[in-house]
Amino acid sequence: MENVEFDFSELRGKIKAVYGRQDLFAKDMCMSPTSLSCKMNGKTEFTHEEMAKAIKLLGLNDDSIHKYFFSRKV
């Protein structure tokens, strides 16, 4: 089975635009900055609940989930 890697650069950019820093976003997500970093670096996966919460916190619509969470690295 192919190991799929996702590109979170759009998510990183949006977090920076809205929060300024990843640690502030992590706090609002109720997770540690280390946990968020692991997710953003593909070491662990975002849960469905975390994706939904992130979309809400970042002021995005549900149709944005693919762009921010499922863009494959090329």
N, C-alpha and C. Protein backbone atom coordinates (compact mmCIF):
# COMPACT_ATOMS: atom_id res chain seq x y z
N MET A 1 0.84 -1.19 0.00
CA MET A 1 0.00 0.00 0.00
C MET A 1 0.89 1.25 0.00
N GLU A 2 0.50 2.23 -0.76
CA GLU A 2 1.24 3.47 -0.90
C GLU A 2 1.11 4.34 0.35
N ASN A 3 2.23 4.90 0.81
CA ASN A 3 2.22 5.82 1.94
C ASN A 3 1.95 7.23 1.41
N VAL A 4 0.80 7.80 1.75
CA VAL A 4 0.40 9.11 1.25
C VAL A 4 0.88 10.18 2.23
N GLU A 5 1.55 11.18 1.70
CA GLU A 5 1.98 12.32 2.50
C GLU A 5 1.19 13.54 2.07
N PHE A 6 0.74 14.30 3.07
CA PHE A 6 -0.07 15.48 2.79
C PHE A 6 0.74 16.75 2.98
N ASP A 7 0.40 17.75 2.22
CA ASP A 7 1.07 19.05 2.25
C ASP A 7 0.19 20.01 3.06
N PHE A 8 0.69 20.45 4.19
CA PHE A 8 -0.08 21.35 5.06
C PHE A 8 0.37 22.80 4.93
N SER A 9 1.02 23.15 3.83
CA SER A 9 1.50 24.53 3.67
C SER A 9 0.35 25.54 3.62
N GLU A 10 -0.76 25.18 3.00
CA GLU A 10 -1.93 26.08 2.98
C GLU A 10 -2.46 26.28 4.40
N LEU A 11 -2.50 25.21 5.17
CA LEU A 11 -2.97 25.29 6.55
C LEU A 11 -2.02 26.15 7.38
N ARG A 12 -0.72 25.95 7.21
CA ARG A 12 0.27 26.76 7.94
C ARG A 12 0.08 28.25 7.63
N GLY A 13 -0.13 28.56 6.36
CA GLY A 13 -0.32 29.94 5.95
C GLY A 13 -1.57 30.55 6.55
N LYS A 14 -2.65 29.78 6.57
CA LYS A 14 -3.90 30.28 7.13
C LYS A 14 -3.78 30.49 8.64
N ILE A 15 -3.11 29.55 9.32
CA ILE A 15 -2.89 29.70 10.76
C ILE A 15 -2.10 30.98 11.03
N LYS A 16 -1.06 31.20 10.25
CA LYS A 16 -0.24 32.41 10.43
C LYS A 16 -1.06 33.67 10.17
N ALA A 17 -1.91 33.64 9.15
CA ALA A 17 -2.73 34.81 8.82
C ALA A 17 -3.74 35.13 9.91
N VAL A 18 -4.33 34.09 10.51
CA VAL A 18 -5.38 34.29 11.51
C VAL A 18 -4.82 34.44 12.92
N TYR A 19 -3.84 33.62 13.27
CA TYR A 19 -3.33 33.57 14.65
C TYR A 19 -1.95 34.20 14.84
N GLY A 20 -1.21 34.32 13.77
CA GLY A 20 0.14 34.85 13.89
C GLY A 20 1.17 33.78 14.24
N ARG A 21 0.80 32.88 15.17
CA ARG A 21 1.72 31.83 15.62
C ARG A 21 0.97 30.52 15.80
N GLN A 22 1.66 29.40 15.51
CA GLN A 22 1.04 28.08 15.63
C GLN A 22 0.67 27.73 17.06
N ASP A 23 1.46 28.19 18.04
CA ASP A 23 1.18 27.83 19.43
C ASP A 23 -0.14 28.43 19.91
N LEU A 24 -0.51 29.60 19.41
CA LEU A 24 -1.79 30.21 19.78
C LEU A 24 -2.95 29.41 19.19
N PHE A 25 -2.77 28.94 17.95
CA PHE A 25 -3.78 28.10 17.32
C PHE A 25 -3.90 26.78 18.06
N ALA A 26 -2.77 26.18 18.43
CA ALA A 26 -2.78 24.91 19.17
C ALA A 26 -3.57 25.06 20.46
N LYS A 27 -3.40 26.17 21.17
CA LYS A 27 -4.13 26.41 22.42
C LYS A 27 -5.64 26.40 22.16
N ASP A 28 -6.09 27.11 21.13
CA ASP A 28 -7.52 27.14 20.81
C ASP A 28 -8.02 25.78 20.32
N MET A 29 -7.12 24.96 19.79
CA MET A 29 -7.48 23.61 19.36
C MET A 29 -7.49 22.63 20.54
N CYS A 30 -7.09 23.12 21.73
CA CYS A 30 -7.00 22.29 22.94
C CYS A 30 -5.99 21.16 22.77
N MET A 31 -4.85 21.50 22.17
CA MET A 31 -3.77 20.53 22.04
C MET A 31 -2.46 21.25 22.29
N SER A 32 -1.44 20.49 22.58
CA SER A 32 -0.12 21.08 22.81
C SER A 32 0.50 21.51 21.48
N PRO A 33 1.40 22.48 21.53
CA PRO A 33 2.11 22.84 20.31
C PRO A 33 2.86 21.65 19.70
N THR A 34 3.36 20.75 20.54
CA THR A 34 4.05 19.55 20.05
C THR A 34 3.11 18.64 19.29
N SER A 35 1.88 18.45 19.81
CA SER A 35 0.90 17.62 19.12
C SER A 35 0.54 18.22 17.76
N LEU A 36 0.34 19.53 17.73
CA LEU A 36 0.02 20.18 16.46
C LEU A 36 1.19 20.02 15.49
N SER A 37 2.40 20.20 15.96
CA SER A 37 3.57 20.05 15.10
C SER A 37 3.65 18.65 14.52
N CYS A 38 3.39 17.63 15.34
CA CYS A 38 3.40 16.25 14.86
C CYS A 38 2.37 16.05 13.76
N LYS A 39 1.21 16.63 13.91
CA LYS A 39 0.15 16.51 12.90
C LYS A 39 0.55 17.24 11.61
N MET A 40 1.10 18.43 11.77
CA MET A 40 1.47 19.24 10.60
C MET A 40 2.67 18.64 9.85
N ASN A 41 3.46 17.81 10.54
CA ASN A 41 4.62 17.18 9.92
C ASN A 41 4.35 15.74 9.51
N GLY A 42 3.08 15.30 9.58
CA GLY A 42 2.69 13.98 9.10
C GLY A 42 3.07 12.82 10.00
N LYS A 43 3.46 13.11 11.24
CA LYS A 43 3.82 12.03 12.17
C LYS A 43 2.59 11.40 12.80
N THR A 44 1.55 12.19 12.99
CA THR A 44 0.25 11.71 13.45
C THR A 44 -0.81 12.36 12.56
N GLU A 45 -2.03 11.82 12.62
CA GLU A 45 -3.09 12.34 11.75
C GLU A 45 -4.08 13.21 12.52
N PHE A 46 -4.66 14.16 11.82
CA PHE A 46 -5.76 14.94 12.37
C PHE A 46 -7.00 14.05 12.43
N THR A 47 -7.75 14.14 13.52
CA THR A 47 -9.04 13.44 13.59
C THR A 47 -10.07 14.25 12.82
N HIS A 48 -11.19 13.63 12.54
CA HIS A 48 -12.28 14.36 11.87
C HIS A 48 -12.74 15.52 12.73
N GLU A 49 -12.82 15.30 14.03
CA GLU A 49 -13.26 16.36 14.94
C GLU A 49 -12.28 17.52 14.95
N GLU A 50 -10.98 17.21 14.91
CA GLU A 50 -9.96 18.27 14.89
C GLU A 50 -10.03 19.07 13.60
N MET A 51 -10.24 18.38 12.48
CA MET A 51 -10.36 19.10 11.21
C MET A 51 -11.57 20.03 11.23
N ALA A 52 -12.69 19.55 11.73
CA ALA A 52 -13.90 20.38 11.79
C ALA A 52 -13.68 21.59 12.70
N LYS A 53 -13.02 21.39 13.83
CA LYS A 53 -12.76 22.49 14.76
C LYS A 53 -11.80 23.50 14.13
N ALA A 54 -10.77 23.03 13.45
CA ALA A 54 -9.81 23.93 12.81
C ALA A 54 -10.49 24.78 11.74
N ILE A 55 -11.33 24.16 10.93
CA ILE A 55 -12.05 24.90 9.89
C ILE A 55 -12.88 26.02 10.52
N LYS A 56 -13.55 25.71 11.63
CA LYS A 56 -14.37 26.71 12.31
C LYS A 56 -13.50 27.83 12.88
N LEU A 57 -12.42 27.47 13.59
CA LEU A 57 -11.55 28.47 14.20
C LEU A 57 -10.89 29.38 13.17
N LEU A 58 -10.61 28.84 12.00
CA LEU A 58 -9.94 29.62 10.96
C LEU A 58 -10.92 30.38 10.07
N GLY A 59 -12.22 30.25 10.35
CA GLY A 59 -13.23 30.99 9.60
C GLY A 59 -13.41 30.49 8.18
N LEU A 60 -13.21 29.20 7.97
CA LEU A 60 -13.35 28.61 6.64
C LEU A 60 -14.68 27.88 6.52
N ASN A 61 -15.04 27.52 5.30
CA ASN A 61 -16.25 26.72 5.13
C ASN A 61 -15.87 25.25 4.97
N ASP A 62 -16.83 24.38 5.14
CA ASP A 62 -16.58 22.93 5.09
C ASP A 62 -15.97 22.48 3.77
N ASP A 63 -16.25 23.20 2.70
CA ASP A 63 -15.69 22.82 1.39
C ASP A 63 -14.18 23.01 1.34
N SER A 64 -13.61 23.71 2.33
CA SER A 64 -12.17 23.96 2.37
C SER A 64 -11.36 22.81 2.94
N ILE A 65 -12.02 21.83 3.52
CA ILE A 65 -11.31 20.75 4.20
C ILE A 65 -10.30 20.08 3.26
N HIS A 66 -10.68 19.80 2.03
CA HIS A 66 -9.77 19.13 1.11
C HIS A 66 -8.51 19.98 0.87
N LYS A 67 -8.68 21.24 0.63
CA LYS A 67 -7.55 22.14 0.34
C LYS A 67 -6.56 22.19 1.50
N TYR A 68 -7.06 22.24 2.72
CA TYR A 68 -6.20 22.43 3.88
C TYR A 68 -5.70 21.13 4.51
N PHE A 69 -6.41 20.02 4.32
CA PHE A 69 -6.05 18.78 5.00
C PHE A 69 -5.74 17.59 4.09
N PHE A 70 -6.09 17.67 2.81
CA PHE A 70 -5.91 16.50 1.96
C PHE A 70 -5.15 16.77 0.66
N SER A 71 -4.42 17.86 0.59
CA SER A 71 -3.57 18.14 -0.58
C SER A 71 -2.34 17.26 -0.46
N ARG A 72 -2.09 16.46 -1.48
CA ARG A 72 -0.93 15.56 -1.45
C ARG A 72 0.36 16.29 -1.76
N LYS A 73 1.43 15.85 -1.11
CA LYS A 73 2.76 16.37 -1.45
C LYS A 73 3.14 15.83 -2.81
N VAL A 74 3.78 16.67 -3.61
CA VAL A 74 4.25 16.24 -4.92
C VAL A 74 5.76 16.23 -4.98
